[in-house]
């Protein structure tokens, strides 16, 4: 694959100016020259895609630079693709700014000011103005709207939300540590064998939905046990 800077930018979905900016910051290796024309390859494209993945995780440019410093400039596109698979969000979604009419349509019900206040407490929306709302988590809007309608005190909703956030954050950190220590680190210590790369890439892709389903099932069982313990 040989691409001009315009073709590389188009394939990566960024501007030529952005490519030049990243190159100037050392995030991309120099292009191969043919006369006075710089040519870019699959490794440049894969590195650009990795930068965008890191940005989607909310990393600052300085943090991205520190991360990429650990990856050799001559890293193969396959290695960069593995990096993306290991870093990609488990439930990728982007926030959306909606007017109140569209918000009601998405939620499947009318959301008055009190319902929006409860949804904001749950971290699902942010009130950006009198006529618009930022939906932080579109995937949770419908179920959260139903939850907000339950006749429970706002303090109960907030405490429940904080408990879920606290324990899921700790669980995610522990599971990530286990995966890094028992799978990724041994792979790197063995010199990143090419024959193991595809296996690890497949494992990272399949693990996410299986782990999420396992978590949901385990939580359901744990709730059932907690309820039974409260029954005399």
C-alpha atoms as a PDB file:
ATOM      1  CA  UNK A   1       0.000   0.000   0.000  1.00  0.00           C
ATOM      2  CA  UNK A   2       1.357   3.381  -1.030  1.00  0.00           C
ATOM      3  CA  UNK A   3      -0.687   6.497  -0.290  1.00  0.00           C
ATOM      4  CA  UNK A   4      -0.087  10.190  -0.749  1.00  0.00           C
ATOM      5  CA  UNK A   5      -0.780  12.382   2.256  1.00  0.00           C
ATOM      6  CA  UNK A   6      -4.176  13.329   0.781  1.00  0.00           C
ATOM      7  CA  UNK A   7      -5.100   9.677   0.295  1.00  0.00           C
ATOM      8  CA  UNK A   8      -3.899   8.768   3.792  1.00  0.00           C
ATOM      9  CA  UNK A   9      -5.972  11.556   5.343  1.00  0.00           C
ATOM     10  CA  UNK A  10      -9.057  10.450   3.407  1.00  0.00           C
ATOM     11  CA  UNK A  11      -8.631   6.803   4.443  1.00  0.00           C
ATOM     12  CA  UNK A  12      -8.144   7.760   8.104  1.00  0.00           C
ATOM     13  CA  UNK A  13     -11.024  10.246   8.120  1.00  0.00           C
ATOM     14  CA  UNK A  14      -8.882  13.219   9.174  1.00  0.00           C
ATOM     15  CA  UNK A  15      -7.605  16.343   7.469  1.00  0.00           C
ATOM     16  CA  UNK A  16      -4.216  16.681   5.794  1.00  0.00           C
ATOM     17  CA  UNK A  17      -3.431  19.343   8.353  1.00  0.00           C
ATOM     18  CA  UNK A  18      -4.070  16.831  11.142  1.00  0.00           C
ATOM     19  CA  UNK A  19      -1.733  14.286   9.532  1.00  0.00           C
ATOM     20  CA  UNK A  20       1.009  16.906   9.290  1.00  0.00           C
ATOM     21  CA  UNK A  21       0.396  17.952  12.892  1.00  0.00           C
ATOM     22  CA  UNK A  22       0.691  14.358  14.159  1.00  0.00           C
ATOM     23  CA  UNK A  23       3.824  13.811  12.079  1.00  0.00           C
ATOM     24  CA  UNK A  24       5.350  16.967  13.527  1.00  0.00           C
ATOM     25  CA  UNK A  25       4.673  15.676  17.048  1.00  0.00           C
ATOM     26  CA  UNK A  26       6.386  12.375  16.258  1.00  0.00           C
ATOM     27  CA  UNK A  27       3.175  10.326  16.348  1.00  0.00           C
ATOM     28  CA  UNK A  28       3.806   9.073  12.810  1.00  0.00           C
ATOM     29  CA  UNK A  29       7.039   7.765  11.284  1.00  0.00           C
ATOM     30  CA  UNK A  30       8.444   9.723   8.324  1.00  0.00           C
ATOM     31  CA  UNK A  31       6.993   8.849   4.906  1.00  0.00           C
ATOM     32  CA  UNK A  32       8.947   6.941   2.310  1.00  0.00           C
ATOM     33  CA  UNK A  33      10.148   9.286  -0.398  1.00  0.00           C
ATOM     34  CA  UNK A  34       9.734   8.822  -4.126  1.00  0.00           C
ATOM     35  CA  UNK A  35      11.489  11.813  -5.562  1.00  0.00           C
ATOM     36  CA  UNK A  36       9.906  14.714  -3.722  1.00  0.00           C
ATOM     37  CA  UNK A  37       6.658  12.879  -2.961  1.00  0.00           C
ATOM     38  CA  UNK A  38       6.105  11.371   0.473  1.00  0.00           C
ATOM     39  CA  UNK A  39       4.375   7.976   0.417  1.00  0.00           C
ATOM     40  CA  UNK A  40       2.577   6.438   3.357  1.00  0.00           C
ATOM     41  CA  UNK A  41       1.737   2.792   3.990  1.00  0.00           C
ATOM     42  CA  UNK A  42      -0.472   0.511   6.043  1.00  0.00           C
ATOM     43  CA  UNK A  43       1.644   1.168   9.134  1.00  0.00           C
ATOM     44  CA  UNK A  44       0.916   4.901   8.961  1.00  0.00           C
ATOM     45  CA  UNK A  45      -2.798   4.259   8.529  1.00  0.00           C
ATOM     46  CA  UNK A  46      -2.865   1.798  11.442  1.00  0.00           C
ATOM     47  CA  UNK A  47      -1.037   4.279  13.669  1.00  0.00           C
ATOM     48  CA  UNK A  48      -3.494   7.043  12.767  1.00  0.00           C
ATOM     49  CA  UNK A  49      -6.402   4.749  13.602  1.00  0.00           C
ATOM     50  CA  UNK A  50      -4.762   3.945  16.943  1.00  0.00           C
ATOM     51  CA  UNK A  51      -4.435   7.663  17.708  1.00  0.00           C
ATOM     52  CA  UNK A  52      -8.144   8.146  17.007  1.00  0.00           C
ATOM     53  CA  UNK A  53      -8.975   5.171  19.257  1.00  0.00           C
ATOM     54  CA  UNK A  54      -6.966   6.716  22.085  1.00  0.00           C
ATOM     55  CA  UNK A  55      -8.745  10.036  21.536  1.00  0.00           C
ATOM     56  CA  UNK A  56     -12.121   8.299  21.769  1.00  0.00           C
ATOM     57  CA  UNK A  57     -11.088   7.098  25.232  1.00  0.00           C
ATOM     58  CA  UNK A  58     -10.655  10.710  26.289  1.00  0.00           C
ATOM     59  CA  UNK A  59      -6.851  10.739  26.432  1.00  0.00           C
ATOM     60  CA  UNK A  60      -5.077  14.056  26.062  1.00  0.00           C
ATOM     61  CA  UNK A  61      -2.519  14.560  23.314  1.00  0.00           C
ATOM     62  CA  UNK A  62       0.278  14.379  25.900  1.00  0.00           C
ATOM     63  CA  UNK A  63      -1.049  11.050  27.190  1.00  0.00           C
ATOM     64  CA  UNK A  64      -1.312   9.716  23.627  1.00  0.00           C
ATOM     65  CA  UNK A  65       2.273  10.745  22.950  1.00  0.00           C
ATOM     66  CA  UNK A  66       3.460   8.930  26.084  1.00  0.00           C
ATOM     67  CA  UNK A  67       1.580   5.800  25.033  1.00  0.00           C
ATOM     68  CA  UNK A  68       2.946   5.818  21.480  1.00  0.00           C
ATOM     69  CA  UNK A  69       6.498   6.338  22.743  1.00  0.00           C
ATOM     70  CA  UNK A  70       6.327   2.731  23.962  1.00  0.00           C
ATOM     71  CA  UNK A  71       5.489   1.456  20.457  1.00  0.00           C
ATOM     72  CA  UNK A  72       8.409   1.257  17.992  1.00  0.00           C
ATOM     73  CA  UNK A  73       8.033   3.405  14.881  1.00  0.00           C
ATOM     74  CA  UNK A  74       8.603   0.286  12.766  1.00  0.00           C
ATOM     75  CA  UNK A  75       5.774  -1.641  14.457  1.00  0.00           C
ATOM     76  CA  UNK A  76       3.794  -3.732  12.006  1.00  0.00           C
ATOM     77  CA  UNK A  77       0.180  -2.821  11.159  1.00  0.00           C
ATOM     78  CA  UNK A  78      -0.930  -6.095  12.743  1.00  0.00           C
ATOM     79  CA  UNK A  79       0.656  -5.122  16.069  1.00  0.00           C
ATOM     80  CA  UNK A  80      -1.051  -1.726  15.931  1.00  0.00           C
ATOM     81  CA  UNK A  81      -4.379  -3.422  15.135  1.00  0.00           C
ATOM     82  CA  UNK A  82      -3.924  -5.579  18.231  1.00  0.00           C
ATOM     83  CA  UNK A  83      -3.301  -2.442  20.281  1.00  0.00           C
ATOM     84  CA  UNK A  84      -6.580  -1.001  18.996  1.00  0.00           C
ATOM     85  CA  UNK A  85      -8.483  -4.189  19.830  1.00  0.00           C
ATOM     86  CA  UNK A  86      -7.138  -4.178  23.376  1.00  0.00           C
ATOM     87  CA  UNK A  87      -7.977  -0.501  23.863  1.00  0.00           C
ATOM     88  CA  UNK A  88     -11.279  -0.189  22.020  1.00  0.00           C
ATOM     89  CA  UNK A  89     -14.298   0.706  24.187  1.00  0.00           C
ATOM     90  CA  UNK A  90     -16.500  -2.208  25.255  1.00  0.00           C
ATOM     91  CA  UNK A  91     -19.687  -0.256  24.639  1.00  0.00           C
ATOM     92  CA  UNK A  92     -18.718   2.437  22.158  1.00  0.00           C
ATOM     93  CA  UNK A  93     -21.137   5.343  21.992  1.00  0.00           C
ATOM     94  CA  UNK A  94     -20.969   9.087  21.612  1.00  0.00           C
ATOM     95  CA  UNK A  95     -22.935  11.728  23.450  1.00  0.00           C
ATOM     96  CA  UNK A  96     -25.664  13.508  21.481  1.00  0.00           C
ATOM     97  CA  UNK A  97     -27.250  16.947  21.785  1.00  0.00           C
ATOM     98  CA  UNK A  98     -31.030  16.666  21.338  1.00  0.00           C
ATOM     99  CA  UNK A  99     -33.940  19.063  21.572  1.00  0.00           C
ATOM    100  CA  UNK A 100     -36.736  18.175  23.989  1.00  0.00           C
ATOM    101  CA  UNK A 101     -39.013  16.798  21.273  1.00  0.00           C
ATOM    102  CA  UNK A 102     -36.353  14.404  19.937  1.00  0.00           C
ATOM    103  CA  UNK A 103     -35.405  13.453  23.485  1.00  0.00           C
ATOM    104  CA  UNK A 104     -38.981  12.426  24.246  1.00  0.00           C
ATOM    105  CA  UNK A 105     -39.112  10.437  21.007  1.00  0.00           C
ATOM    106  CA  UNK A 106     -35.880   8.569  21.813  1.00  0.00           C
ATOM    107  CA  UNK A 107     -36.988   7.880  25.384  1.00  0.00           C
ATOM    108  CA  UNK A 108     -40.428   6.699  24.234  1.00  0.00           C
ATOM    109  CA  UNK A 109     -42.187   8.975  26.733  1.00  0.00           C
ATOM    110  CA  UNK A 110     -42.560  12.617  27.746  1.00  0.00           C
ATOM    111  CA  UNK A 111     -39.781  13.710  30.092  1.00  0.00           C
ATOM    112  CA  UNK A 112     -40.747  16.672  32.258  1.00  0.00           C
ATOM    113  CA  UNK A 113     -38.268  18.816  34.193  1.00  0.00           C
ATOM    114  CA  UNK A 114     -38.405  16.535  37.233  1.00  0.00           C
ATOM    115  CA  UNK A 115     -37.640  13.457  35.091  1.00  0.00           C
ATOM    116  CA  UNK A 116     -34.688  15.271  33.512  1.00  0.00           C
ATOM    117  CA  UNK A 117     -33.406  16.186  36.951  1.00  0.00           C
ATOM    118  CA  UNK A 118     -33.495  12.515  37.933  1.00  0.00           C
ATOM    119  CA  UNK A 119     -31.818  11.447  34.692  1.00  0.00           C
ATOM    120  CA  UNK A 120     -29.089  14.018  35.292  1.00  0.00           C
ATOM    121  CA  UNK A 121     -28.542  12.573  38.771  1.00  0.00           C
ATOM    122  CA  UNK A 122     -28.094   9.161  37.129  1.00  0.00           C
ATOM    123  CA  UNK A 123     -25.406  10.567  34.828  1.00  0.00           C
ATOM    124  CA  UNK A 124     -27.404   9.834  31.668  1.00  0.00           C
ATOM    125  CA  UNK A 125     -28.025  13.430  30.541  1.00  0.00           C
ATOM    126  CA  UNK A 126     -26.566  16.883  31.030  1.00  0.00           C
ATOM    127  CA  UNK A 127     -28.827  19.932  30.941  1.00  0.00           C
ATOM    128  CA  UNK A 128     -27.154  22.295  28.478  1.00  0.00           C
ATOM    129  CA  UNK A 129     -29.979  24.796  27.988  1.00  0.00           C
ATOM    130  CA  UNK A 130     -33.712  25.394  28.232  1.00  0.00           C
ATOM    131  CA  UNK A 131     -34.437  23.700  24.915  1.00  0.00           C
ATOM    132  CA  UNK A 132     -31.592  21.205  24.483  1.00  0.00           C
ATOM    133  CA  UNK A 133     -30.198  18.277  26.430  1.00  0.00           C
ATOM    134  CA  UNK A 134     -26.927  16.416  26.045  1.00  0.00           C
ATOM    135  CA  UNK A 135     -27.465  12.665  26.265  1.00  0.00           C
ATOM    136  CA  UNK A 136     -24.228  11.310  27.712  1.00  0.00           C
ATOM    137  CA  UNK A 137     -25.234   7.677  27.290  1.00  0.00           C
ATOM    138  CA  UNK A 138     -27.793   7.174  24.468  1.00  0.00           C
ATOM    139  CA  UNK A 139     -27.813   3.405  25.068  1.00  0.00           C
ATOM    140  CA  UNK A 140     -29.063   3.914  28.635  1.00  0.00           C
ATOM    141  CA  UNK A 141     -31.672   6.570  27.864  1.00  0.00           C
ATOM    142  CA  UNK A 142     -34.717   4.289  27.518  1.00  0.00           C
ATOM    143  CA  UNK A 143     -34.125   2.077  30.543  1.00  0.00           C
ATOM    144  CA  UNK A 144     -32.997   5.052  32.655  1.00  0.00           C
ATOM    145  CA  UNK A 145     -36.179   6.961  31.757  1.00  0.00           C
ATOM    146  CA  UNK A 146     -38.203   4.010  33.055  1.00  0.00           C
ATOM    147  CA  UNK A 147     -36.071   3.891  36.188  1.00  0.00           C
ATOM    148  CA  UNK A 148     -36.496   7.626  36.768  1.00  0.00           C
ATOM    149  CA  UNK A 149     -40.290   7.197  36.715  1.00  0.00           C
ATOM    150  CA  UNK A 150     -40.282   4.749  39.599  1.00  0.00           C
ATOM    151  CA  UNK A 151     -41.741   6.224  42.816  1.00  0.00           C
ATOM    152  CA  UNK A 152     -38.398   6.288  44.614  1.00  0.00           C
ATOM    153  CA  UNK A 153     -36.749   9.225  46.379  1.00  0.00           C
ATOM    154  CA  UNK A 154     -34.064  10.991  44.340  1.00  0.00           C
ATOM    155  CA  UNK A 155     -31.541  10.197  47.061  1.00  0.00           C
ATOM    156  CA  UNK A 156     -32.206   6.482  46.514  1.00  0.00           C
ATOM    157  CA  UNK A 157     -31.522   6.781  42.790  1.00  0.00           C
ATOM    158  CA  UNK A 158     -28.313   8.736  43.377  1.00  0.00           C
ATOM    159  CA  UNK A 159     -27.030   6.300  46.013  1.00  0.00           C
ATOM    160  CA  UNK A 160     -27.815   3.332  43.758  1.00  0.00           C
ATOM    161  CA  UNK A 161     -26.075   4.960  40.790  1.00  0.00           C
ATOM    162  CA  UNK A 162     -22.985   5.755  42.876  1.00  0.00           C
ATOM    163  CA  UNK A 163     -22.832   2.193  44.212  1.00  0.00           C
ATOM    164  CA  UNK A 164     -22.978   0.723  40.692  1.00  0.00           C
ATOM    165  CA  UNK A 165     -20.302   3.150  39.449  1.00  0.00           C
ATOM    166  CA  UNK A 166     -18.021   2.453  42.401  1.00  0.00           C
ATOM    167  CA  UNK A 167     -18.090  -1.327  42.192  1.00  0.00           C
ATOM    168  CA  UNK A 168     -18.103  -1.659  38.403  1.00  0.00           C
ATOM    169  CA  UNK A 169     -15.103   0.694  38.185  1.00  0.00           C
ATOM    170  CA  UNK A 170     -13.188  -1.429  40.709  1.00  0.00           C
ATOM    171  CA  UNK A 171     -14.215  -4.648  38.948  1.00  0.00           C
ATOM    172  CA  UNK A 172     -13.168  -3.329  35.532  1.00  0.00           C
ATOM    173  CA  UNK A 173      -9.753  -2.301  36.882  1.00  0.00           C
ATOM    174  CA  UNK A 174      -9.203  -5.711  38.459  1.00  0.00           C
ATOM    175  CA  UNK A 175     -10.261  -7.639  35.343  1.00  0.00           C
ATOM    176  CA  UNK A 176      -8.059  -5.446  33.150  1.00  0.00           C
ATOM    177  CA  UNK A 177      -5.123  -6.116  35.463  1.00  0.00           C
ATOM    178  CA  UNK A 178      -5.700  -9.868  35.345  1.00  0.00           C
ATOM    179  CA  UNK A 179      -5.875  -9.859  31.530  1.00  0.00           C
ATOM    180  CA  UNK A 180      -2.716  -7.752  31.218  1.00  0.00           C
ATOM    181  CA  UNK A 181      -0.762  -9.880  33.726  1.00  0.00           C
ATOM    182  CA  UNK A 182      -1.800 -13.324  32.496  1.00  0.00           C
ATOM    183  CA  UNK A 183      -2.304 -12.807  28.748  1.00  0.00           C
ATOM    184  CA  UNK A 184      -0.775  -9.627  27.320  1.00  0.00           C
ATOM    185  CA  UNK A 185       2.432  -9.484  29.373  1.00  0.00           C
ATOM    186  CA  UNK A 186       3.457 -13.139  28.658  1.00  0.00           C
ATOM    187  CA  UNK A 187       2.791 -12.483  24.954  1.00  0.00           C
ATOM    188  CA  UNK A 188       5.135  -9.487  25.022  1.00  0.00           C
ATOM    189  CA  UNK A 189       7.763 -11.335  27.045  1.00  0.00           C
ATOM    190  CA  UNK A 190       7.767 -14.096  24.409  1.00  0.00           C
ATOM    191  CA  UNK A 191       8.702 -11.461  21.842  1.00  0.00           C
ATOM    192  CA  UNK A 192       5.225 -10.966  20.356  1.00  0.00           C
ATOM    193  CA  UNK A 193       5.223 -14.158  18.217  1.00  0.00           C
ATOM    194  CA  UNK A 194       3.319 -13.527  14.961  1.00  0.00           C
ATOM    195  CA  UNK A 195       1.544 -16.879  15.254  1.00  0.00           C
ATOM    196  CA  UNK A 196       0.063 -15.800  18.604  1.00  0.00           C
ATOM    197  CA  UNK A 197      -0.982 -12.309  17.447  1.00  0.00           C
ATOM    198  CA  UNK A 198      -4.121 -13.448  15.604  1.00  0.00           C
ATOM    199  CA  UNK A 199      -5.102 -15.668  18.522  1.00  0.00           C
ATOM    200  CA  UNK A 200      -4.800 -12.767  20.944  1.00  0.00           C
ATOM    201  CA  UNK A 201      -6.722 -10.468  18.597  1.00  0.00           C
ATOM    202  CA  UNK A 202      -9.547 -13.008  18.333  1.00  0.00           C
ATOM    203  CA  UNK A 203      -9.509 -13.520  22.100  1.00  0.00           C
ATOM    204  CA  UNK A 204      -9.769  -9.783  22.780  1.00  0.00           C
ATOM    205  CA  UNK A 205     -12.720  -9.495  20.370  1.00  0.00           C
ATOM    206  CA  UNK A 206     -14.671 -12.475  21.726  1.00  0.00           C
ATOM    207  CA  UNK A 207     -13.926 -11.802  25.384  1.00  0.00           C
ATOM    208  CA  UNK A 208     -15.895  -8.551  25.575  1.00  0.00           C
ATOM    209  CA  UNK A 209     -19.468  -9.770  24.875  1.00  0.00           C
ATOM    210  CA  UNK A 210     -18.876 -12.968  26.853  1.00  0.00           C
ATOM    211  CA  UNK A 211     -17.569 -11.064  29.863  1.00  0.00           C
ATOM    212  CA  UNK A 212     -20.480  -8.616  29.772  1.00  0.00           C
ATOM    213  CA  UNK A 213     -23.024 -11.440  29.665  1.00  0.00           C
ATOM    214  CA  UNK A 214     -21.194 -13.217  32.480  1.00  0.00           C
ATOM    215  CA  UNK A 215     -21.287 -10.047  34.573  1.00  0.00           C
ATOM    216  CA  UNK A 216     -25.037  -9.577  34.017  1.00  0.00           C
ATOM    217  CA  UNK A 217     -25.787 -13.189  34.942  1.00  0.00           C
ATOM    218  CA  UNK A 218     -23.538 -13.091  38.019  1.00  0.00           C
ATOM    219  CA  UNK A 219     -25.170  -9.864  39.200  1.00  0.00           C
ATOM    220  CA  UNK A 220     -28.638 -11.363  38.796  1.00  0.00           C
ATOM    221  CA  UNK A 221     -27.629 -14.357  40.922  1.00  0.00           C
ATOM    222  CA  UNK A 222     -26.031 -12.097  43.529  1.00  0.00           C
ATOM    223  CA  UNK A 223     -29.219 -10.002  43.801  1.00  0.00           C
ATOM    224  CA  UNK A 224     -31.306 -13.157  44.217  1.00  0.00           C
ATOM    225  CA  UNK A 225     -28.995 -14.337  47.028  1.00  0.00           C
ATOM    226  CA  UNK A 226     -29.149 -10.936  48.722  1.00  0.00           C
ATOM    227  CA  UNK A 227     -32.960 -10.967  48.610  1.00  0.00           C
ATOM    228  CA  UNK A 228     -33.150 -14.501  50.032  1.00  0.00           C
ATOM    229  CA  UNK A 229     -30.899 -13.489  52.916  1.00  0.00           C
ATOM    230  CA  UNK A 230     -33.386 -10.767  53.912  1.00  0.00           C
ATOM    231  CA  UNK A 231     -36.306 -13.244  54.081  1.00  0.00           C
ATOM    232  CA  UNK A 232     -36.835 -14.722  57.598  1.00  0.00           C
END
